[in-house]
Amino acid sequence: MTRTGKIARLPRDIREQLNRRLQDGEPGTQLVVWLNALPEAQAVLEREFAGRAISEQNLSEWKQGGYRDWLARQE
């Protein structure tokens, strides 16, 4: 399945870092602040989402989809 949300469109290395931080139990509020501060993320958000920031809802949706897929591949 091809994911099309804000987090799915971030560069692979950022998604990998995010998944590892989720796995380590880092709080979502901190992760959203971190993601929105990254220049690479800001560029994607500006280009594809009219500059709208990543929200905790976006992160929650990623955890139910892309993150679960990533976890399954780790096993």
PDB file of N, CA and C in Angstrom:
ATOM      1  N   MET A   1       0.843  -1.177   0.000  1.00  0.00           N
ATOM      2  CA  MET A   1       0.000   0.000   0.000  1.00  0.00           C
ATOM      3  C   MET A   1       0.892   1.245   0.000  1.00  0.00           C
ATOM      4  N   THR A   2       0.560   2.186  -0.857  1.00  0.00           N
ATOM      5  CA  THR A   2       1.298   3.435  -0.904  1.00  0.00           C
ATOM      6  C   THR A   2       0.620   4.431   0.011  1.00  0.00           C
ATOM      7  N   ARG A   3       1.375   4.949   0.930  1.00  0.00           N
ATOM      8  CA  ARG A   3       0.840   5.932   1.875  1.00  0.00           C
ATOM      9  C   ARG A   3       1.073   7.330   1.308  1.00  0.00           C
ATOM     10  N   THR A   4       0.123   8.232   1.559  1.00  0.00           N
ATOM     11  CA  THR A   4       0.190   9.556   0.943  1.00  0.00           C
ATOM     12  C   THR A   4       0.113  10.709   1.933  1.00  0.00           C
ATOM     13  N   GLY A   5       0.090  10.419   3.219  1.00  0.00           N
ATOM     14  CA  GLY A   5      -0.035  11.473   4.213  1.00  0.00           C
ATOM     15  C   GLY A   5       1.241  12.280   4.386  1.00  0.00           C
ATOM     16  N   LYS A   6       1.168  13.252   5.273  1.00  0.00           N
ATOM     17  CA  LYS A   6       2.300  14.151   5.504  1.00  0.00           C
ATOM     18  C   LYS A   6       3.555  13.394   5.906  1.00  0.00           C
ATOM     19  N   ILE A   7       3.438  12.488   6.847  1.00  0.00           N
ATOM     20  CA  ILE A   7       4.621  11.765   7.331  1.00  0.00           C
ATOM     21  C   ILE A   7       5.120  10.799   6.264  1.00  0.00           C
ATOM     22  N   ALA A   8       4.217  10.163   5.545  1.00  0.00           N
ATOM     23  CA  ALA A   8       4.615   9.217   4.502  1.00  0.00           C
ATOM     24  C   ALA A   8       5.414   9.892   3.394  1.00  0.00           C
ATOM     25  N   ARG A   9       5.203  11.178   3.198  1.00  0.00           N
ATOM     26  CA  ARG A   9       5.902  11.896   2.124  1.00  0.00           C
ATOM     27  C   ARG A   9       7.241  12.471   2.561  1.00  0.00           C
ATOM     28  N   LEU A  10       7.577  12.313   3.822  1.00  0.00           N
ATOM     29  CA  LEU A  10       8.883  12.778   4.300  1.00  0.00           C
ATOM     30  C   LEU A  10       9.975  11.858   3.763  1.00  0.00           C
ATOM     31  N   PRO A  11      11.205  12.365   3.703  1.00  0.00           N
ATOM     32  CA  PRO A  11      12.312  11.506   3.256  1.00  0.00           C
ATOM     33  C   PRO A  11      12.434  10.254   4.125  1.00  0.00           C
ATOM     34  N   ARG A  12      12.879   9.182   3.493  1.00  0.00           N
ATOM     35  CA  ARG A  12      12.972   7.879   4.159  1.00  0.00           C
ATOM     36  C   ARG A  12      13.793   7.945   5.450  1.00  0.00           C
ATOM     37  N   ASP A  13      14.911   8.659   5.450  1.00  0.00           N
ATOM     38  CA  ASP A  13      15.753   8.705   6.652  1.00  0.00           C
ATOM     39  C   ASP A  13      15.030   9.371   7.816  1.00  0.00           C
ATOM     40  N   ILE A  14      14.198  10.359   7.541  1.00  0.00           N
ATOM     41  CA  ILE A  14      13.429  11.001   8.618  1.00  0.00           C
ATOM     42  C   ILE A  14      12.376  10.036   9.149  1.00  0.00           C
ATOM     43  N   ARG A  15      11.703   9.328   8.242  1.00  0.00           N
ATOM     44  CA  ARG A  15      10.710   8.341   8.697  1.00  0.00           C
ATOM     45  C   ARG A  15      11.370   7.255   9.533  1.00  0.00           C
ATOM     46  N   GLU A  16      12.565   6.846   9.146  1.00  0.00           N
ATOM     47  CA  GLU A  16      13.304   5.831   9.907  1.00  0.00           C
ATOM     48  C   GLU A  16      13.625   6.347  11.312  1.00  0.00           C
ATOM     49  N   GLN A  17      14.123   7.582  11.403  1.00  0.00           N
ATOM     50  CA  GLN A  17      14.409   8.180  12.716  1.00  0.00           C
ATOM     51  C   GLN A  17      13.132   8.273  13.551  1.00  0.00           C
ATOM     52  N   LEU A  18      12.054   8.702  12.928  1.00  0.00           N
ATOM     53  CA  LEU A  18      10.770   8.810  13.624  1.00  0.00           C
ATOM     54  C   LEU A  18      10.335   7.454  14.164  1.00  0.00           C
ATOM     55  N   ASN A  19      10.412   6.434  13.330  1.00  0.00           N
ATOM     56  CA  ASN A  19       9.986   5.103  13.770  1.00  0.00           C
ATOM     57  C   ASN A  19      10.821   4.611  14.942  1.00  0.00           C
ATOM     58  N   ARG A  20      12.107   4.855  14.903  1.00  0.00           N
ATOM     59  CA  ARG A  20      12.968   4.440  16.023  1.00  0.00           C
ATOM     60  C   ARG A  20      12.622   5.214  17.294  1.00  0.00           C
ATOM     61  N   ARG A  21      12.322   6.481  17.149  1.00  0.00           N
ATOM     62  CA  ARG A  21      11.955   7.284  18.320  1.00  0.00           C
ATOM     63  C   ARG A  21      10.605   6.839  18.881  1.00  0.00           C
ATOM     64  N   LEU A  22       9.670   6.480  17.992  1.00  0.00           N
ATOM     65  CA  LEU A  22       8.394   5.927  18.454  1.00  0.00           C
ATOM     66  C   LEU A  22       8.630   4.625  19.205  1.00  0.00           C
ATOM     67  N   GLN A  23       9.482   3.782  18.645  1.00  0.00           N
ATOM     68  CA  GLN A  23       9.794   2.492  19.264  1.00  0.00           C
ATOM     69  C   GLN A  23      10.402   2.692  20.654  1.00  0.00           C
ATOM     70  N   ASP A  24      11.179   3.754  20.811  1.00  0.00           N
ATOM     71  CA  ASP A  24      11.803   4.058  22.098  1.00  0.00           C
ATOM     72  C   ASP A  24      10.841   4.715  23.085  1.00  0.00           C
ATOM     73  N   GLY A  25       9.616   4.996  22.636  1.00  0.00           N
ATOM     74  CA  GLY A  25       8.598   5.533  23.533  1.00  0.00           C
ATOM     75  C   GLY A  25       8.610   7.044  23.695  1.00  0.00           C
ATOM     76  N   GLU A  26       9.230   7.744  22.777  1.00  0.00           N
ATOM     77  CA  GLU A  26       9.260   9.206  22.869  1.00  0.00           C
ATOM     78  C   GLU A  26       7.843   9.759  22.718  1.00  0.00           C
ATOM     79  N   PRO A  27       7.467  10.741  23.534  1.00  0.00           N
ATOM     80  CA  PRO A  27       6.100  11.291  23.481  1.00  0.00           C
ATOM     81  C   PRO A  27       5.788  11.949  22.135  1.00  0.00           C
ATOM     82  N   GLY A  28       4.555  11.773  21.698  1.00  0.00           N
ATOM     83  CA  GLY A  28       4.116  12.319  20.423  1.00  0.00           C
ATOM     84  C   GLY A  28       4.253  13.820  20.317  1.00  0.00           C
ATOM     85  N   THR A  29       3.982  14.534  21.413  1.00  0.00           N
ATOM     86  CA  THR A  29       4.076  15.995  21.356  1.00  0.00           C
ATOM     87  C   THR A  29       5.508  16.429  21.023  1.00  0.00           C
ATOM     88  N   GLN A  30       6.485  15.757  21.591  1.00  0.00           N
ATOM     89  CA  GLN A  30       7.893  16.076  21.293  1.00  0.00           C
ATOM     90  C   GLN A  30       8.237  15.728  19.858  1.00  0.00           C
ATOM     91  N   LEU A  31       7.720  14.612  19.383  1.00  0.00           N
ATOM     92  CA  LEU A  31       8.013  14.185  18.015  1.00  0.00           C
ATOM     93  C   LEU A  31       7.442  15.152  16.992  1.00  0.00           C
ATOM     94  N   VAL A  32       6.240  15.661  17.241  1.00  0.00           N
ATOM     95  CA  VAL A  32       5.625  16.616  16.322  1.00  0.00           C
ATOM     96  C   VAL A  32       6.444  17.904  16.275  1.00  0.00           C
ATOM     97  N   VAL A  33       6.898  18.377  17.412  1.00  0.00           N
ATOM     98  CA  VAL A  33       7.739  19.586  17.451  1.00  0.00           C
ATOM     99  C   VAL A  33       9.024  19.337  16.678  1.00  0.00           C
ATOM    100  N   TRP A  34       9.650  18.190  16.914  1.00  0.00           N
ATOM    101  CA  TRP A  34      10.897  17.844  16.222  1.00  0.00           C
ATOM    102  C   TRP A  34      10.687  17.794  14.710  1.00  0.00           C
ATOM    103  N   LEU A  35       9.650  17.082  14.271  1.00  0.00           N
ATOM    104  CA  LEU A  35       9.391  16.953  12.837  1.00  0.00           C
ATOM    105  C   LEU A  35       9.163  18.310  12.181  1.00  0.00           C
ATOM    106  N   ASN A  36       8.323  19.133  12.796  1.00  0.00           N
ATOM    107  CA  ASN A  36       7.993  20.425  12.205  1.00  0.00           C
ATOM    108  C   ASN A  36       9.175  21.385  12.172  1.00  0.00           C
ATOM    109  N   ALA A  37      10.201  21.135  12.980  1.00  0.00           N
ATOM    110  CA  ALA A  37      11.386  21.994  13.005  1.00  0.00           C
ATOM    111  C   ALA A  37      12.414  21.599  11.939  1.00  0.00           C
ATOM    112  N   LEU A  38      12.276  20.409  11.355  1.00  0.00           N
ATOM    113  CA  LEU A  38      13.263  19.938  10.379  1.00  0.00           C
ATOM    114  C   LEU A  38      13.101  20.669   9.048  1.00  0.00           C
ATOM    115  N   PRO A  39      14.186  21.247   8.519  1.00  0.00           N
ATOM    116  CA  PRO A  39      14.093  21.942   7.227  1.00  0.00           C
ATOM    117  C   PRO A  39      13.559  21.044   6.102  1.00  0.00           C
ATOM    118  N   GLU A  40      13.951  19.771   6.098  1.00  0.00           N
ATOM    119  CA  GLU A  40      13.474  18.853   5.057  1.00  0.00           C
ATOM    120  C   GLU A  40      11.962  18.667   5.157  1.00  0.00           C
ATOM    121  N   ALA A  41      11.467  18.549   6.373  1.00  0.00           N
ATOM    122  CA  ALA A  41      10.022  18.395   6.579  1.00  0.00           C
ATOM    123  C   ALA A  41       9.299  19.682   6.178  1.00  0.00           C
ATOM    124  N   GLN A  42       9.846  20.825   6.551  1.00  0.00           N
ATOM    125  CA  GLN A  42       9.229  22.096   6.190  1.00  0.00           C
ATOM    126  C   GLN A  42       9.119  22.238   4.677  1.00  0.00           C
ATOM    127  N   ALA A  43      10.143  21.789   3.949  1.00  0.00           N
ATOM    128  CA  ALA A  43      10.121  21.879   2.489  1.00  0.00           C
ATOM    129  C   ALA A  43       9.004  21.014   1.901  1.00  0.00           C
ATOM    130  N   VAL A  44       8.854  19.787   2.415  1.00  0.00           N
ATOM    131  CA  VAL A  44       7.790  18.896   1.931  1.00  0.00           C
ATOM    132  C   VAL A  44       6.424  19.487   2.257  1.00  0.00           C
ATOM    133  N   LEU A  45       6.269  19.979   3.470  1.00  0.00           N
ATOM    134  CA  LEU A  45       4.985  20.549   3.886  1.00  0.00           C
ATOM    135  C   LEU A  45       4.629  21.765   3.048  1.00  0.00           C
ATOM    136  N   GLU A  46       5.604  22.593   2.760  1.00  0.00           N
ATOM    137  CA  GLU A  46       5.358  23.784   1.940  1.00  0.00           C
ATOM    138  C   GLU A  46       4.972  23.385   0.515  1.00  0.00           C
ATOM    139  N   ARG A  47       5.704  22.449  -0.030  1.00  0.00           N
ATOM    140  CA  ARG A  47       5.510  22.038  -1.425  1.00  0.00           C
ATOM    141  C   ARG A  47       4.199  21.265  -1.633  1.00  0.00           C
ATOM    142  N   GLU A  48       3.869  20.365  -0.696  1.00  0.00           N
ATOM    143  CA  GLU A  48       2.754  19.452  -0.934  1.00  0.00           C
ATOM    144  C   GLU A  48       1.515  19.687  -0.072  1.00  0.00           C
ATOM    145  N   PHE A  49       1.657  20.481   0.990  1.00  0.00           N
ATOM    146  CA  PHE A  49       0.530  20.663   1.918  1.00  0.00           C
ATOM    147  C   PHE A  49       0.305  22.126   2.284  1.00  0.00           C
ATOM    148  N   ALA A  50       0.674  23.022   1.378  1.00  0.00           N
ATOM    149  CA  ALA A  50       0.459  24.466   1.576  1.00  0.00           C
ATOM    150  C   ALA A  50       1.036  24.956   2.908  1.00  0.00           C
ATOM    151  N   GLY A  51       2.106  24.309   3.353  1.00  0.00           N
ATOM    152  CA  GLY A  51       2.785  24.740   4.571  1.00  0.00           C
ATOM    153  C   GLY A  51       2.118  24.320   5.866  1.00  0.00           C
ATOM    154  N   ARG A  52       1.038  23.535   5.785  1.00  0.00           N
ATOM    155  CA  ARG A  52       0.355  23.091   7.014  1.00  0.00           C
ATOM    156  C   ARG A  52       1.242  22.117   7.777  1.00  0.00           C
ATOM    157  N   ALA A  53       1.415  22.385   9.062  1.00  0.00           N
ATOM    158  CA  ALA A  53       2.313  21.600   9.911  1.00  0.00           C
ATOM    159  C   ALA A  53       1.774  20.187  10.164  1.00  0.00           C
ATOM    160  N   ILE A  54       2.683  19.328  10.557  1.00  0.00           N
ATOM    161  CA  ILE A  54       2.328  17.977  10.996  1.00  0.00           C
ATOM    162  C   ILE A  54       1.671  18.098  12.364  1.00  0.00           C
ATOM    163  N   SER A  55       0.544  17.431  12.531  1.00  0.00           N
ATOM    164  CA  SER A  55      -0.202  17.491  13.789  1.00  0.00           C
ATOM    165  C   SER A  55      -0.068  16.178  14.557  1.00  0.00           C
ATOM    166  N   GLU A  56      -0.523  16.194  15.794  1.00  0.00           N
ATOM    167  CA  GLU A  56      -0.538  14.955  16.566  1.00  0.00           C
ATOM    168  C   GLU A  56      -1.484  13.942  15.921  1.00  0.00           C
ATOM    169  N   GLN A  57      -2.545  14.413  15.259  1.00  0.00           N
ATOM    170  CA  GLN A  57      -3.449  13.509  14.539  1.00  0.00           C
ATOM    171  C   GLN A  57      -2.706  12.831  13.391  1.00  0.00           C
ATOM    172  N   ASN A  58      -1.871  13.586  12.666  1.00  0.00           N
ATOM    173  CA  ASN A  58      -1.070  12.978  11.589  1.00  0.00           C
ATOM    174  C   ASN A  58      -0.171  11.896  12.160  1.00  0.00           C
ATOM    175  N   LEU A  59       0.444  12.172  13.299  1.00  0.00           N
ATOM    176  CA  LEU A  59       1.326  11.198  13.934  1.00  0.00           C
ATOM    177  C   LEU A  59       0.540   9.967  14.369  1.00  0.00           C
ATOM    178  N   SER A  60      -0.637  10.170  14.917  1.00  0.00           N
ATOM    179  CA  SER A  60      -1.485   9.059  15.347  1.00  0.00           C
ATOM    180  C   SER A  60      -1.836   8.164  14.153  1.00  0.00           C
ATOM    181  N   GLU A  61      -2.163   8.783  13.026  1.00  0.00           N
ATOM    182  CA  GLU A  61      -2.487   8.014  11.829  1.00  0.00           C
ATOM    183  C   GLU A  61      -1.257   7.253  11.332  1.00  0.00           C
ATOM    184  N   TRP A  62      -0.080   7.870  11.414  1.00  0.00           N
ATOM    185  CA  TRP A  62       1.155   7.188  11.018  1.00  0.00           C
ATOM    186  C   TRP A  62       1.407   5.971  11.907  1.00  0.00           C
ATOM    187  N   LYS A  63       1.157   6.134  13.210  1.00  0.00           N
ATOM    188  CA  LYS A  63       1.394   5.021  14.137  1.00  0.00           C
ATOM    189  C   LYS A  63       0.496   3.833  13.812  1.00  0.00           C
ATOM    190  N   GLN A  64      -0.706   4.096  13.301  1.00  0.00           N
ATOM    191  CA  GLN A  64      -1.646   3.018  12.960  1.00  0.00           C
ATOM    192  C   GLN A  64      -1.339   2.397  11.608  1.00  0.00           C
ATOM    193  N   GLY A  65      -0.547   3.063  10.793  1.00  0.00           N
ATOM    194  CA  GLY A  65      -0.287   2.570   9.442  1.00  0.00           C
ATOM    195  C   GLY A  65       1.184   2.337   9.165  1.00  0.00           C
ATOM    196  N   GLY A  66       1.870   3.401   8.780  1.00  0.00           N
ATOM    197  CA  GLY A  66       3.267   3.285   8.373  1.00  0.00           C
ATOM    198  C   GLY A  66       4.176   2.718   9.446  1.00  0.00           C
ATOM    199  N   TYR A  67       3.973   3.133  10.675  1.00  0.00           N
ATOM    200  CA  TYR A  67       4.801   2.633  11.776  1.00  0.00           C
ATOM    201  C   TYR A  67       4.563   1.137  11.995  1.00  0.00           C
ATOM    202  N   ARG A  68       3.306   0.714  11.948  1.00  0.00           N
ATOM    203  CA  ARG A  68       3.001  -0.721  12.109  1.00  0.00           C
ATOM    204  C   ARG A  68       3.631  -1.539  10.991  1.00  0.00           C
ATOM    205  N   ASP A  69       3.584  -1.003   9.777  1.00  0.00           N
ATOM    206  CA  ASP A  69       4.229  -1.694   8.640  1.00  0.00           C
ATOM    207  C   ASP A  69       5.733  -1.826   8.905  1.00  0.00           C
ATOM    208  N   TRP A  70       6.330  -0.746   9.381  1.00  0.00           N
ATOM    209  CA  TRP A  70       7.774  -0.733   9.678  1.00  0.00           C
ATOM    210  C   TRP A  70       8.103  -1.762  10.753  1.00  0.00           C
ATOM    211  N   LEU A  71       7.293  -1.804  11.805  1.00  0.00           N
ATOM    212  CA  LEU A  71       7.524  -2.783  12.881  1.00  0.00           C
ATOM    213  C   LEU A  71       7.466  -4.213  12.335  1.00  0.00           C
ATOM    214  N   ALA A  72       6.509  -4.472  11.478  1.00  0.00           N
ATOM    215  CA  ALA A  72       6.361  -5.816  10.916  1.00  0.00           C
ATOM    216  C   ALA A  72       7.603  -6.195  10.109  1.00  0.00           C
ATOM    217  N   ARG A  73       8.200  -5.241   9.405  1.00  0.00           N
ATOM    218  CA  ARG A  73       9.409  -5.523   8.629  1.00  0.00           C
ATOM    219  C   ARG A  73      10.624  -5.719   9.516  1.00  0.00           C
ATOM    220  N   GLN A  74      10.596  -5.216  10.754  1.00  0.00           N
ATOM    221  CA  GLN A  74      11.719  -5.347  11.664  1.00  0.00           C
ATOM    222  C   GLN A  74      11.823  -6.758  12.241  1.00  0.00           C
ATOM    223  N   GLU A  75      10.700  -7.469  12.247  1.00  0.00           N
ATOM    224  CA  GLU A  75      10.667  -8.810  12.855  1.00  0.00           C
ATOM    225  C   GLU A  75      11.245  -9.866  11.950  1.00  0.00           C
TER     226      GLU A  75
END
